[in-house]
């Protein structure tokens, strides 16, 4: 059975012109992506994003504006019979200081599935190569090419 898988991600930029990224161990693969996750049935995209930030980071966010929605076919890396549709929003939070971040990618204490850490990447040096998923690579390039327009 072929299905759609809707993913919703937040682009959180701090005062130092850095964007928050998530390093995760998913199905024994190191994945660097933007924070967020899967839309649940009956949920709106903004509610999904707020829930994901609360679940993963214990962080209340405010959605500022829509940033990008996938406009091409992308097969899921984990479920070959699923098509991924990713929606990205610029977000902000007055609780950024409460986020526990790491300096290095995949600096896990224990290596177990579904582990997650977050860190900041400088916007002026962000590259597509820092991200694992194809749609995130496109979003990283969009950010790099238009940094002044996205600072909140």
N, C-alpha and C. Protein backbone atom coordinates (compact mmCIF):
# COMPACT_ATOMS: atom_id res chain seq x y z
N UNK A 1 0.84 -1.18 0.00
CA UNK A 1 0.00 0.00 0.00
C UNK A 1 0.89 1.24 0.00
N UNK A 2 0.61 2.17 -0.88
CA UNK A 2 1.40 3.40 -0.97
C UNK A 2 0.73 4.48 -0.13
N UNK A 3 1.55 5.21 0.62
CA UNK A 3 1.02 6.20 1.56
C UNK A 3 1.80 7.51 1.46
N UNK A 4 1.18 8.56 1.97
CA UNK A 4 1.86 9.83 2.16
C UNK A 4 2.32 9.92 3.61
N UNK A 5 3.47 10.48 3.82
CA UNK A 5 4.01 10.69 5.15
C UNK A 5 4.30 12.19 5.25
N UNK A 6 3.54 12.90 6.07
CA UNK A 6 3.70 14.35 6.21
C UNK A 6 4.59 14.63 7.41
N UNK A 7 5.65 15.38 7.18
CA UNK A 7 6.61 15.75 8.21
C UNK A 7 6.58 17.27 8.37
N UNK A 8 6.73 17.74 9.61
CA UNK A 8 6.68 19.18 9.87
C UNK A 8 7.91 19.56 10.69
N UNK A 9 8.64 20.58 10.22
CA UNK A 9 9.90 20.96 10.84
C UNK A 9 9.94 22.45 11.16
N UNK A 10 10.72 22.79 12.20
CA UNK A 10 10.88 24.17 12.62
C UNK A 10 12.29 24.66 12.40
N UNK A 11 12.40 25.88 11.91
CA UNK A 11 13.69 26.55 11.74
C UNK A 11 13.77 27.59 12.83
N UNK A 12 14.58 27.29 13.84
CA UNK A 12 14.74 28.17 15.00
C UNK A 12 16.11 28.82 14.93
N UNK A 13 16.12 30.14 14.86
CA UNK A 13 17.37 30.91 14.73
C UNK A 13 17.56 31.73 15.99
N UNK A 14 18.77 31.66 16.55
CA UNK A 14 19.06 32.42 17.78
C UNK A 14 19.67 33.79 17.46
N UNK A 15 19.97 34.54 18.51
CA UNK A 15 20.52 35.90 18.35
C UNK A 15 21.93 35.90 17.77
N UNK A 16 22.62 34.77 17.82
CA UNK A 16 23.98 34.67 17.28
C UNK A 16 23.97 34.22 15.81
N UNK A 17 22.81 34.28 15.18
CA UNK A 17 22.64 33.89 13.78
C UNK A 17 23.02 32.43 13.57
N UNK A 18 22.50 31.58 14.46
CA UNK A 18 22.69 30.14 14.37
C UNK A 18 21.33 29.48 14.29
N UNK A 19 21.28 28.35 13.58
CA UNK A 19 20.05 27.60 13.45
C UNK A 19 20.19 26.28 14.23
N UNK A 20 19.10 25.88 14.88
CA UNK A 20 19.10 24.66 15.67
C UNK A 20 18.90 23.45 14.76
N UNK A 21 19.76 22.43 14.94
CA UNK A 21 19.62 21.17 14.21
C UNK A 21 19.59 20.02 15.20
N UNK A 22 19.04 18.92 14.74
CA UNK A 22 18.90 17.73 15.57
C UNK A 22 19.73 16.60 14.98
N UNK A 23 20.57 16.00 15.83
CA UNK A 23 21.33 14.81 15.45
C UNK A 23 20.64 13.63 16.08
N UNK A 24 20.22 12.68 15.26
CA UNK A 24 19.43 11.55 15.76
C UNK A 24 19.98 10.23 15.24
N UNK A 25 19.83 9.21 16.05
CA UNK A 25 20.15 7.85 15.65
C UNK A 25 18.81 7.17 15.38
N UNK A 26 18.50 6.99 14.09
CA UNK A 26 17.23 6.41 13.68
C UNK A 26 17.50 5.15 12.88
N UNK A 27 16.99 4.03 13.36
CA UNK A 27 17.18 2.74 12.69
C UNK A 27 18.66 2.51 12.35
N UNK A 28 19.51 2.77 13.35
CA UNK A 28 20.96 2.56 13.26
C UNK A 28 21.65 3.45 12.24
N UNK A 29 21.01 4.58 11.90
CA UNK A 29 21.61 5.54 10.98
C UNK A 29 21.74 6.90 11.67
N UNK A 30 22.89 7.54 11.50
CA UNK A 30 23.07 8.91 11.98
C UNK A 30 22.35 9.85 11.02
N UNK A 31 21.45 10.65 11.57
CA UNK A 31 20.65 11.58 10.77
C UNK A 31 20.79 12.97 11.38
N UNK A 32 21.18 13.94 10.58
CA UNK A 32 21.15 15.35 11.00
C UNK A 32 20.03 16.01 10.24
N UNK A 33 19.11 16.65 10.98
CA UNK A 33 17.92 17.24 10.37
C UNK A 33 17.47 18.44 11.19
N UNK A 34 16.45 19.10 10.70
CA UNK A 34 15.83 20.16 11.48
C UNK A 34 14.89 19.53 12.50
N UNK A 35 14.68 20.17 13.65
CA UNK A 35 13.77 19.62 14.65
C UNK A 35 12.34 19.55 14.13
N UNK A 36 11.66 18.49 14.48
CA UNK A 36 10.29 18.30 14.08
C UNK A 36 10.00 16.83 13.91
N UNK A 37 8.87 16.52 13.28
CA UNK A 37 8.52 15.12 13.12
C UNK A 37 7.23 14.94 12.37
N UNK A 38 6.61 13.79 12.60
CA UNK A 38 5.47 13.37 11.81
C UNK A 38 4.13 13.91 12.27
N UNK A 39 3.35 14.28 11.28
CA UNK A 39 1.98 14.74 11.51
C UNK A 39 1.12 13.55 11.89
N UNK A 40 0.35 13.69 12.96
CA UNK A 40 -0.56 12.64 13.39
C UNK A 40 -1.95 12.92 12.84
N UNK A 41 -2.72 11.86 12.60
CA UNK A 41 -4.06 12.01 12.06
C UNK A 41 -4.90 12.90 12.99
N UNK A 42 -5.61 13.84 12.39
CA UNK A 42 -6.46 14.75 13.16
C UNK A 42 -5.74 15.99 13.65
N UNK A 43 -4.48 16.14 13.34
CA UNK A 43 -3.65 17.23 13.84
C UNK A 43 -3.35 18.21 12.69
N UNK A 44 -3.33 19.50 12.99
CA UNK A 44 -2.89 20.49 12.03
C UNK A 44 -1.37 20.59 12.05
N UNK A 45 -0.80 21.16 11.00
CA UNK A 45 0.66 21.20 10.90
C UNK A 45 1.30 22.06 11.99
N UNK A 46 0.70 23.16 12.34
CA UNK A 46 1.27 24.02 13.38
C UNK A 46 1.16 23.36 14.75
N UNK A 47 0.03 22.74 15.02
CA UNK A 47 -0.11 21.99 16.28
C UNK A 47 0.90 20.86 16.35
N UNK A 48 1.13 20.20 15.22
CA UNK A 48 2.14 19.13 15.17
C UNK A 48 3.51 19.66 15.55
N UNK A 49 3.88 20.78 14.97
CA UNK A 49 5.21 21.34 15.23
C UNK A 49 5.35 21.76 16.69
N UNK A 50 4.34 22.38 17.23
CA UNK A 50 4.38 22.76 18.64
C UNK A 50 4.50 21.53 19.54
N UNK A 51 3.77 20.47 19.20
CA UNK A 51 3.85 19.22 19.97
C UNK A 51 5.25 18.61 19.88
N UNK A 52 5.80 18.56 18.67
CA UNK A 52 7.12 17.97 18.48
C UNK A 52 8.20 18.72 19.27
N UNK A 53 8.17 20.06 19.24
CA UNK A 53 9.15 20.84 20.00
C UNK A 53 8.99 20.61 21.50
N UNK A 54 7.75 20.47 21.95
CA UNK A 54 7.51 20.23 23.37
C UNK A 54 7.99 18.83 23.75
N UNK A 55 7.66 17.83 22.94
CA UNK A 55 8.06 16.45 23.24
C UNK A 55 9.57 16.27 23.19
N UNK A 56 10.21 16.83 22.18
CA UNK A 56 11.63 16.58 21.96
C UNK A 56 12.54 17.51 22.74
N UNK A 57 12.10 18.76 22.93
CA UNK A 57 12.98 19.76 23.53
C UNK A 57 12.39 20.43 24.77
N UNK A 58 11.17 20.07 25.13
CA UNK A 58 10.47 20.73 26.22
C UNK A 58 10.47 22.25 26.02
N UNK A 59 10.16 22.63 24.78
CA UNK A 59 10.27 24.03 24.37
C UNK A 59 8.97 24.50 23.74
N UNK A 60 8.42 25.59 24.28
CA UNK A 60 7.26 26.23 23.66
C UNK A 60 7.77 27.12 22.54
N UNK A 61 7.12 27.00 21.38
CA UNK A 61 7.51 27.82 20.24
C UNK A 61 6.31 28.60 19.72
N UNK A 62 6.63 29.63 18.96
CA UNK A 62 5.63 30.39 18.23
C UNK A 62 6.00 30.30 16.76
N UNK A 63 5.04 29.95 15.92
CA UNK A 63 5.29 29.88 14.49
C UNK A 63 5.20 31.28 13.91
N UNK A 64 6.24 31.68 13.20
CA UNK A 64 6.28 33.01 12.60
C UNK A 64 5.66 33.00 11.21
N UNK A 65 6.16 32.09 10.36
CA UNK A 65 5.67 32.04 8.98
C UNK A 65 6.05 30.72 8.34
N UNK A 66 5.32 30.38 7.30
CA UNK A 66 5.66 29.22 6.48
C UNK A 66 6.95 29.52 5.75
N UNK A 67 7.81 28.53 5.61
CA UNK A 67 9.09 28.71 4.94
C UNK A 67 9.16 27.94 3.62
N UNK A 68 8.81 26.66 3.64
CA UNK A 68 8.94 25.83 2.45
C UNK A 68 8.11 24.56 2.61
N UNK A 69 7.53 24.10 1.50
CA UNK A 69 6.87 22.80 1.44
C UNK A 69 7.44 22.06 0.25
N UNK A 70 7.71 20.78 0.44
CA UNK A 70 8.26 19.96 -0.63
C UNK A 70 7.44 20.13 -1.90
N UNK A 71 8.13 20.37 -3.02
CA UNK A 71 7.43 20.56 -4.29
C UNK A 71 7.92 19.58 -5.35
N UNK A 72 8.39 18.41 -4.89
CA UNK A 72 8.85 17.36 -5.80
C UNK A 72 8.61 16.01 -5.12
N UNK A 73 8.70 14.94 -5.88
CA UNK A 73 8.51 13.61 -5.31
C UNK A 73 9.74 13.22 -4.50
N UNK A 74 9.50 12.78 -3.27
CA UNK A 74 10.59 12.28 -2.42
C UNK A 74 10.12 11.00 -1.74
N UNK A 75 10.79 9.91 -2.03
CA UNK A 75 10.50 8.63 -1.39
C UNK A 75 11.10 8.63 0.01
N UNK A 76 10.42 8.02 0.95
CA UNK A 76 10.92 7.92 2.32
C UNK A 76 12.18 7.07 2.37
N UNK A 77 13.14 7.51 3.16
CA UNK A 77 14.37 6.74 3.35
C UNK A 77 14.13 5.50 4.19
N UNK A 78 13.05 5.49 4.97
CA UNK A 78 12.80 4.39 5.89
C UNK A 78 11.64 3.49 5.47
N UNK A 79 10.76 4.02 4.63
CA UNK A 79 9.59 3.26 4.16
C UNK A 79 9.46 3.48 2.66
N UNK A 80 10.03 2.60 1.84
CA UNK A 80 10.07 2.82 0.38
C UNK A 80 8.71 2.97 -0.29
N UNK A 81 7.63 2.54 0.38
CA UNK A 81 6.30 2.69 -0.20
C UNK A 81 5.60 3.98 0.24
N UNK A 82 6.35 4.88 0.90
CA UNK A 82 5.79 6.15 1.36
C UNK A 82 6.42 7.32 0.58
N UNK A 83 5.58 8.30 0.28
CA UNK A 83 6.06 9.56 -0.28
C UNK A 83 6.11 10.58 0.85
N UNK A 84 7.23 11.27 0.96
CA UNK A 84 7.41 12.28 2.02
C UNK A 84 6.97 13.65 1.51
N UNK A 85 6.19 14.32 2.33
CA UNK A 85 5.87 15.73 2.12
C UNK A 85 6.33 16.45 3.38
N UNK A 86 7.28 17.35 3.24
CA UNK A 86 7.83 18.07 4.39
C UNK A 86 7.42 19.53 4.34
N UNK A 87 7.01 20.03 5.49
CA UNK A 87 6.60 21.42 5.63
C UNK A 87 7.49 22.08 6.67
N UNK A 88 8.07 23.21 6.33
CA UNK A 88 8.99 23.92 7.22
C UNK A 88 8.42 25.28 7.58
N UNK A 89 8.57 25.62 8.86
CA UNK A 89 8.14 26.92 9.36
C UNK A 89 9.30 27.60 10.07
N UNK A 90 9.38 28.92 9.95
CA UNK A 90 10.26 29.69 10.82
C UNK A 90 9.56 29.81 12.16
N UNK A 91 10.30 29.55 13.22
CA UNK A 91 9.72 29.59 14.57
C UNK A 91 10.59 30.43 15.48
N UNK A 92 10.02 30.84 16.61
CA UNK A 92 10.81 31.53 17.63
C UNK A 92 10.35 31.05 18.99
N UNK A 93 11.17 31.32 19.99
CA UNK A 93 10.84 30.94 21.36
C UNK A 93 11.55 31.90 22.31
N UNK A 94 10.87 32.23 23.39
CA UNK A 94 11.53 33.04 24.41
C UNK A 94 12.20 32.15 25.45
N UNK A 95 12.27 30.84 25.18
CA UNK A 95 12.89 29.88 26.09
C UNK A 95 14.15 29.24 25.51
N UNK A 96 14.75 29.88 24.51
CA UNK A 96 15.93 29.28 23.85
C UNK A 96 17.02 28.91 24.85
N UNK A 97 17.19 29.72 25.88
CA UNK A 97 18.24 29.46 26.87
C UNK A 97 18.07 28.17 27.65
N UNK A 98 16.89 27.57 27.59
CA UNK A 98 16.65 26.33 28.33
C UNK A 98 17.03 25.08 27.54
N UNK A 99 17.36 25.24 26.26
CA UNK A 99 17.69 24.09 25.42
C UNK A 99 19.08 23.57 25.78
N UNK A 100 19.17 22.27 26.07
CA UNK A 100 20.47 21.64 26.31
C UNK A 100 21.04 21.26 24.95
N UNK A 101 22.13 21.92 24.57
CA UNK A 101 22.74 21.66 23.27
C UNK A 101 24.13 21.06 23.43
N UNK A 102 24.58 20.42 22.37
CA UNK A 102 25.92 19.85 22.31
C UNK A 102 26.74 20.68 21.33
N UNK A 103 28.05 20.57 21.43
CA UNK A 103 28.91 21.29 20.49
C UNK A 103 29.23 20.45 19.26
N UNK A 104 29.29 19.12 19.43
CA UNK A 104 29.70 18.23 18.35
C UNK A 104 28.54 17.35 17.90
N UNK A 105 28.53 17.03 16.63
CA UNK A 105 27.50 16.16 16.07
C UNK A 105 27.63 14.76 16.65
N UNK A 106 26.50 14.15 16.97
CA UNK A 106 26.42 12.76 17.41
C UNK A 106 27.29 12.47 18.62
N UNK A 107 27.29 13.40 19.56
CA UNK A 107 28.07 13.26 20.78
C UNK A 107 27.24 12.52 21.83
N UNK A 108 26.74 11.33 21.44
CA UNK A 108 25.87 10.56 22.31
C UNK A 108 26.67 9.89 23.42
N UNK A 109 26.09 9.84 24.60
CA UNK A 109 26.69 9.12 25.72
C UNK A 109 26.50 7.63 25.50
N UNK A 110 25.30 7.24 25.13
CA UNK A 110 24.99 5.85 24.80
C UNK A 110 24.50 5.82 23.37
N UNK A 111 24.84 4.77 22.66
CA UNK A 111 24.38 4.63 21.29
C UNK A 111 23.20 3.69 21.26
N UNK A 112 22.01 4.25 21.32
CA UNK A 112 20.80 3.43 21.24
C UNK A 112 19.86 4.08 20.23
N UNK A 113 19.00 3.26 19.64
CA UNK A 113 18.07 3.79 18.65
C UNK A 113 17.20 4.88 19.26
N UNK A 114 16.78 5.80 18.42
CA UNK A 114 15.90 6.91 18.79
C UNK A 114 16.56 7.89 19.75
N UNK A 115 17.88 7.93 19.78
CA UNK A 115 18.58 8.92 20.59
C UNK A 115 18.62 10.23 19.80
N UNK A 116 18.59 11.36 20.52
CA UNK A 116 18.56 12.66 19.88
C UNK A 116 19.33 13.68 20.70
N UNK A 117 20.12 14.49 20.00
CA UNK A 117 20.79 15.65 20.59
C UNK A 117 20.59 16.82 19.65
N UNK A 118 20.68 18.03 20.18
CA UNK A 118 20.56 19.21 19.32
C UNK A 118 21.80 20.08 19.48
N UNK A 119 22.07 20.85 18.45
CA UNK A 119 23.21 21.77 18.45
C UNK A 119 22.90 22.92 17.50
N UNK A 120 23.71 23.96 17.62
CA UNK A 120 23.55 25.15 16.78
C UNK A 120 24.57 25.10 15.64
N UNK A 121 24.14 25.52 14.45
CA UNK A 121 25.03 25.66 13.29
C UNK A 121 24.98 27.13 12.86
N UNK A 122 26.14 27.71 12.61
CA UNK A 122 26.21 29.10 12.15
C UNK A 122 25.56 29.22 10.77
N UNK A 123 24.68 30.18 10.63
CA UNK A 123 24.01 30.38 9.35
C UNK A 123 24.97 30.80 8.25
N UNK A 124 26.00 31.56 8.60
CA UNK A 124 26.90 32.04 7.56
C UNK A 124 27.81 30.94 7.00
N UNK A 125 27.83 29.78 7.65
CA UNK A 125 28.64 28.68 7.13
C UNK A 125 27.84 27.40 6.90
N UNK A 126 26.53 27.49 6.96
CA UNK A 126 25.69 26.31 6.79
C UNK A 126 25.83 25.77 5.36
N UNK A 127 25.89 24.44 5.24
CA UNK A 127 25.97 23.81 3.92
C UNK A 127 24.99 22.64 3.86
N UNK A 128 24.67 22.26 2.66
CA UNK A 128 23.79 21.12 2.44
C UNK A 128 24.40 19.85 3.00
N UNK A 129 25.72 19.75 2.96
CA UNK A 129 26.41 18.53 3.38
C UNK A 129 26.25 18.24 4.87
N UNK A 130 25.82 19.21 5.64
CA UNK A 130 25.63 18.98 7.08
C UNK A 130 24.35 18.22 7.37
N UNK A 131 23.49 18.09 6.38
CA UNK A 131 22.19 17.44 6.57
C UNK A 131 22.15 16.11 5.85
N UNK A 132 21.35 15.22 6.37
CA UNK A 132 21.24 13.86 5.83
C UNK A 132 20.12 13.74 4.81
N UNK A 133 18.99 14.32 5.11
CA UNK A 133 17.80 14.11 4.29
C UNK A 133 17.74 15.09 3.12
N UNK A 134 17.33 14.62 1.94
CA UNK A 134 17.38 15.46 0.73
C UNK A 134 16.61 16.77 0.83
N UNK A 135 15.46 16.75 1.48
CA UNK A 135 14.66 17.98 1.56
C UNK A 135 15.33 18.98 2.49
N UNK A 136 15.93 18.49 3.59
CA UNK A 136 16.66 19.38 4.50
C UNK A 136 17.84 20.05 3.80
N UNK A 137 18.46 19.33 2.87
CA UNK A 137 19.57 19.91 2.12
C UNK A 137 19.11 21.13 1.31
N UNK A 138 17.93 21.01 0.72
CA UNK A 138 17.37 22.13 -0.05
C UNK A 138 17.08 23.31 0.87
N UNK A 139 16.51 23.04 2.03
CA UNK A 139 16.19 24.10 2.99
C UNK A 139 17.47 24.77 3.49
N UNK A 140 18.52 23.99 3.73
CA UNK A 140 19.80 24.57 4.16
C UNK A 140 20.34 25.54 3.11
N UNK A 141 20.25 25.16 1.84
CA UNK A 141 20.71 26.05 0.76
C UNK A 141 19.86 27.31 0.70
N UNK A 142 18.56 27.17 0.89
CA UNK A 142 17.68 28.34 0.90
C UNK A 142 18.07 29.29 2.03
N UNK A 143 18.37 28.73 3.20
CA UNK A 143 18.78 29.56 4.34
C UNK A 143 20.09 30.28 4.04
N UNK A 144 21.07 29.54 3.55
CA UNK A 144 22.39 30.11 3.27
C UNK A 144 22.29 31.24 2.25
N UNK A 145 21.47 31.06 1.25
CA UNK A 145 21.38 32.04 0.17
C UNK A 145 20.58 33.28 0.53
N UNK A 146 19.84 33.23 1.63
CA UNK A 146 18.96 34.34 2.00
C UNK A 146 19.01 34.67 3.47
N UNK A 147 20.17 34.54 4.09
CA UNK A 147 20.30 34.71 5.53
C UNK A 147 19.62 35.97 6.08
N UNK A 148 19.89 37.15 5.55
CA UNK A 148 19.30 38.36 6.16
C UNK A 148 17.77 38.33 6.18
N UNK A 149 17.16 37.68 5.21
CA UNK A 149 15.70 37.67 5.14
C UNK A 149 15.06 36.81 6.21
N UNK A 150 15.82 35.90 6.82
CA UNK A 150 15.24 34.93 7.74
C UNK A 150 15.56 35.19 9.20
N UNK A 151 16.34 36.20 9.47
CA UNK A 151 16.68 36.49 10.85
C UNK A 151 15.47 37.08 11.56
N UNK A 152 15.17 36.52 12.71
CA UNK A 152 13.99 36.97 13.46
C UNK A 152 14.37 37.54 14.80
